Amino acid sequence: MEVPIQGYLVHSDNSDSSHSHKLYITSWDGRPVHTHHFSGHTSFDVGHNHYYAGVTEPAPSGVQHVHNYMTRTSFNDGHIHSISGTTGPAVPLPSGGHYHFFEGYTTVDGRVPHRHAYHGRTGNED
């Protein structure tokens, strides 16, 4: 199955030998797309917690959907964790727009290997 997408590619002008590109999708199968900001803090484990913030991957607007997300936590107690997953379905807001619930566990990291739980809800669609 082919799904037509539109967007633009941004080239990073790093001065070293590596470089990267970011693809910003502006439409999916003819529909506009949107993202959501999310942030929060993890559970308190092994004497500390972490903060995180990010933006979900784009998803089509106007249809039921979910978003993938990925970010890294703040640097606390000498380490960071990665967070990734898929949100729940869209929850309509009375004033328009919608949000998504998300939850999961971080990667296992730290001097004393451990992970943290996290959960929250995204902001309204961007």
C-alpha atoms as a PDB file:
ATOM      1  CA  MET A   1       0.000   0.000   0.000  1.00  0.00           C
ATOM      2  CA  GLU A   2       1.375   3.393  -0.959  1.00  0.00           C
ATOM      3  CA  VAL A   3       0.409   6.496   0.993  1.00  0.00           C
ATOM      4  CA  PRO A   4       1.324   9.832  -0.594  1.00  0.00           C
ATOM      5  CA  ILE A   5       3.058  12.221   1.778  1.00  0.00           C
ATOM      6  CA  GLN A   6       4.287  15.781   1.356  1.00  0.00           C
ATOM      7  CA  GLY A   7       6.832  17.649   3.398  1.00  0.00           C
ATOM      8  CA  TYR A   8      10.232  19.203   3.334  1.00  0.00           C
ATOM      9  CA  LEU A   9      13.754  18.127   4.209  1.00  0.00           C
ATOM     10  CA  VAL A  10      16.096  20.281   6.304  1.00  0.00           C
ATOM     11  CA  HIS A  11      19.846  19.752   6.036  1.00  0.00           C
ATOM     12  CA  SER A  12      22.044  20.289   9.113  1.00  0.00           C
ATOM     13  CA  ASP A  13      25.228  22.270   8.399  1.00  0.00           C
ATOM     14  CA  ASN A  14      27.512  20.518  10.887  1.00  0.00           C
ATOM     15  CA  SER A  15      31.160  21.472  10.456  1.00  0.00           C
ATOM     16  CA  ASP A  16      32.399  17.920  11.056  1.00  0.00           C
ATOM     17  CA  SER A  17      32.322  15.048   8.579  1.00  0.00           C
ATOM     18  CA  SER A  18      28.852  13.895   9.653  1.00  0.00           C
ATOM     19  CA  HIS A  19      25.614  15.585   8.764  1.00  0.00           C
ATOM     20  CA  SER A  20      21.945  14.910   9.192  1.00  0.00           C
ATOM     21  CA  HIS A  21      18.584  15.677   7.683  1.00  0.00           C
ATOM     22  CA  LYS A  22      15.165  16.082   9.271  1.00  0.00           C
ATOM     23  CA  LEU A  23      11.990  15.330   7.365  1.00  0.00           C
ATOM     24  CA  TYR A  24       9.006  17.493   8.280  1.00  0.00           C
ATOM     25  CA  ILE A  25       5.801  15.891   6.974  1.00  0.00           C
ATOM     26  CA  THR A  26       3.082  18.417   6.119  1.00  0.00           C
ATOM     27  CA  SER A  27       0.418  16.088   4.701  1.00  0.00           C
ATOM     28  CA  TRP A  28      -0.377  12.364   4.832  1.00  0.00           C
ATOM     29  CA  ASP A  29      -2.639  10.877   2.163  1.00  0.00           C
ATOM     30  CA  GLY A  30      -3.829  14.402   1.312  1.00  0.00           C
ATOM     31  CA  ARG A  31      -4.690  15.278   4.919  1.00  0.00           C
ATOM     32  CA  PRO A  32      -2.791  17.838   7.006  1.00  0.00           C
ATOM     33  CA  VAL A  33      -0.762  16.422   9.908  1.00  0.00           C
ATOM     34  CA  HIS A  34      -0.125  17.641  13.425  1.00  0.00           C
ATOM     35  CA  THR A  35       2.056  16.951  16.467  1.00  0.00           C
ATOM     36  CA  HIS A  36       1.739  17.371  20.247  1.00  0.00           C
ATOM     37  CA  HIS A  37       4.159  18.581  22.890  1.00  0.00           C
ATOM     38  CA  PHE A  38       4.535  16.393  25.963  1.00  0.00           C
ATOM     39  CA  SER A  39       6.481  16.719  29.212  1.00  0.00           C
ATOM     40  CA  GLY A  40       6.557  15.419  32.760  1.00  0.00           C
ATOM     41  CA  HIS A  41       8.654  13.653  35.340  1.00  0.00           C
ATOM     42  CA  THR A  42       9.379  10.029  36.032  1.00  0.00           C
ATOM     43  CA  SER A  43       8.724   8.039  39.180  1.00  0.00           C
ATOM     44  CA  PHE A  44      11.135   8.452  42.123  1.00  0.00           C
ATOM     45  CA  ASP A  45      13.376   5.382  42.182  1.00  0.00           C
ATOM     46  CA  VAL A  46      16.878   4.695  43.575  1.00  0.00           C
ATOM     47  CA  GLY A  47      16.840   8.125  45.263  1.00  0.00           C
ATOM     48  CA  HIS A  48      15.987  10.343  42.275  1.00  0.00           C
ATOM     49  CA  ASN A  49      13.660  11.069  39.379  1.00  0.00           C
ATOM     50  CA  HIS A  50      14.064  12.639  35.924  1.00  0.00           C
ATOM     51  CA  TYR A  51      12.261  15.241  33.834  1.00  0.00           C
ATOM     52  CA  TYR A  52      11.489  14.891  30.135  1.00  0.00           C
ATOM     53  CA  ALA A  53       9.979  16.883  27.285  1.00  0.00           C
ATOM     54  CA  GLY A  54       9.467  16.303  23.573  1.00  0.00           C
ATOM     55  CA  VAL A  55       7.243  16.468  20.522  1.00  0.00           C
ATOM     56  CA  THR A  56       5.351  13.493  19.102  1.00  0.00           C
ATOM     57  CA  GLU A  57       5.822  12.267  15.557  1.00  0.00           C
ATOM     58  CA  PRO A  58       3.269  13.678  13.068  1.00  0.00           C
ATOM     59  CA  ALA A  59      -0.071  11.970  12.512  1.00  0.00           C
ATOM     60  CA  PRO A  60      -3.015  12.748  10.192  1.00  0.00           C
ATOM     61  CA  SER A  61      -5.535  15.342  11.333  1.00  0.00           C
ATOM     62  CA  GLY A  62      -9.295  14.765  11.248  1.00  0.00           C
ATOM     63  CA  VAL A  63      -9.229  10.963  11.704  1.00  0.00           C
ATOM     64  CA  GLN A  64      -8.783   8.694  14.721  1.00  0.00           C
ATOM     65  CA  HIS A  65      -5.048   8.170  15.233  1.00  0.00           C
ATOM     66  CA  VAL A  66      -2.159   7.666  17.652  1.00  0.00           C
ATOM     67  CA  HIS A  67       1.345   9.180  17.751  1.00  0.00           C
ATOM     68  CA  ASN A  68       4.758   7.638  18.307  1.00  0.00           C
ATOM     69  CA  TYR A  69       7.058   9.533  20.654  1.00  0.00           C
ATOM     70  CA  MET A  70      10.672   9.392  21.768  1.00  0.00           C
ATOM     71  CA  THR A  71      12.866  11.574  23.985  1.00  0.00           C
ATOM     72  CA  ARG A  72      15.591  11.436  26.610  1.00  0.00           C
ATOM     73  CA  THR A  73      15.292  12.353  30.257  1.00  0.00           C
ATOM     74  CA  SER A  74      17.207  14.999  32.171  1.00  0.00           C
ATOM     75  CA  PHE A  75      20.695  14.121  33.441  1.00  0.00           C
ATOM     76  CA  ASN A  76      20.239  13.191  37.111  1.00  0.00           C
ATOM     77  CA  ASP A  77      22.354  11.022  39.420  1.00  0.00           C
ATOM     78  CA  GLY A  78      25.021  10.711  36.699  1.00  0.00           C
ATOM     79  CA  HIS A  79      22.866   9.275  33.909  1.00  0.00           C
ATOM     80  CA  ILE A  80      19.916   9.673  31.523  1.00  0.00           C
ATOM     81  CA  HIS A  81      17.196   7.314  30.301  1.00  0.00           C
ATOM     82  CA  SER A  82      15.377   7.028  26.976  1.00  0.00           C
ATOM     83  CA  ILE A  83      11.600   7.137  26.709  1.00  0.00           C
ATOM     84  CA  SER A  84       9.635   5.896  23.702  1.00  0.00           C
ATOM     85  CA  GLY A  85       6.232   4.503  22.897  1.00  0.00           C
ATOM     86  CA  THR A  86       2.885   5.087  21.231  1.00  0.00           C
ATOM     87  CA  THR A  87       0.135   7.280  22.647  1.00  0.00           C
ATOM     88  CA  GLY A  88      -3.429   6.190  23.168  1.00  0.00           C
ATOM     89  CA  PRO A  89      -6.177   7.354  20.780  1.00  0.00           C
ATOM     90  CA  ALA A  90      -7.233  11.002  20.550  1.00  0.00           C
ATOM     91  CA  VAL A  91      -9.407  12.371  23.375  1.00  0.00           C
ATOM     92  CA  PRO A  92     -11.532  15.355  22.214  1.00  0.00           C
ATOM     93  CA  LEU A  93     -11.370  18.633  24.132  1.00  0.00           C
ATOM     94  CA  PRO A  94     -14.626  20.584  24.704  1.00  0.00           C
ATOM     95  CA  SER A  95     -13.030  23.736  23.242  1.00  0.00           C
ATOM     96  CA  GLY A  96     -11.762  21.903  20.139  1.00  0.00           C
ATOM     97  CA  GLY A  97      -8.664  19.899  19.405  1.00  0.00           C
ATOM     98  CA  HIS A  98      -7.620  16.834  21.339  1.00  0.00           C
ATOM     99  CA  TYR A  99      -4.917  15.241  23.487  1.00  0.00           C
ATOM    100  CA  HIS A 100      -3.498  11.750  24.013  1.00  0.00           C
ATOM    101  CA  PHE A 101      -2.574   9.741  27.105  1.00  0.00           C
ATOM    102  CA  PHE A 102       0.831   8.057  27.230  1.00  0.00           C
ATOM    103  CA  GLU A 103       2.635   5.829  29.728  1.00  0.00           C
ATOM    104  CA  GLY A 104       5.507   3.423  29.983  1.00  0.00           C
ATOM    105  CA  TYR A 105       8.906   2.699  31.464  1.00  0.00           C
ATOM    106  CA  THR A 106      12.288   4.231  30.693  1.00  0.00           C
ATOM    107  CA  THR A 107      15.286   2.249  29.538  1.00  0.00           C
ATOM    108  CA  VAL A 108      17.428   0.599  32.244  1.00  0.00           C
ATOM    109  CA  ASP A 109      20.465   2.784  33.057  1.00  0.00           C
ATOM    110  CA  GLY A 110      22.512   4.143  35.974  1.00  0.00           C
ATOM    111  CA  ARG A 111      25.296   3.061  38.361  1.00  0.00           C
ATOM    112  CA  VAL A 112      22.666   0.891  40.008  1.00  0.00           C
ATOM    113  CA  PRO A 113      20.774  -0.354  36.929  1.00  0.00           C
ATOM    114  CA  HIS A 114      17.132   0.691  37.192  1.00  0.00           C
ATOM    115  CA  ARG A 115      14.231   2.125  35.246  1.00  0.00           C
ATOM    116  CA  HIS A 116      11.472   4.629  36.006  1.00  0.00           C
ATOM    117  CA  ALA A 117       7.752   4.647  35.244  1.00  0.00           C
ATOM    118  CA  TYR A 118       6.209   7.683  33.534  1.00  0.00           C
ATOM    119  CA  HIS A 119       2.745   8.732  32.395  1.00  0.00           C
ATOM    120  CA  GLY A 120       0.873  11.811  31.320  1.00  0.00           C
ATOM    121  CA  ARG A 121      -1.104  13.423  28.580  1.00  0.00           C
ATOM    122  CA  THR A 122       0.048  15.455  25.628  1.00  0.00           C
ATOM    123  CA  GLY A 123      -0.862  19.069  25.075  1.00  0.00           C
ATOM    124  CA  ASN A 124      -3.461  20.057  22.512  1.00  0.00           C
ATOM    125  CA  GLU A 125      -2.504  19.510  18.878  1.00  0.00           C
ATOM    126  CA  ASP A 126       0.036  21.876  17.304  1.00  0.00           C
END
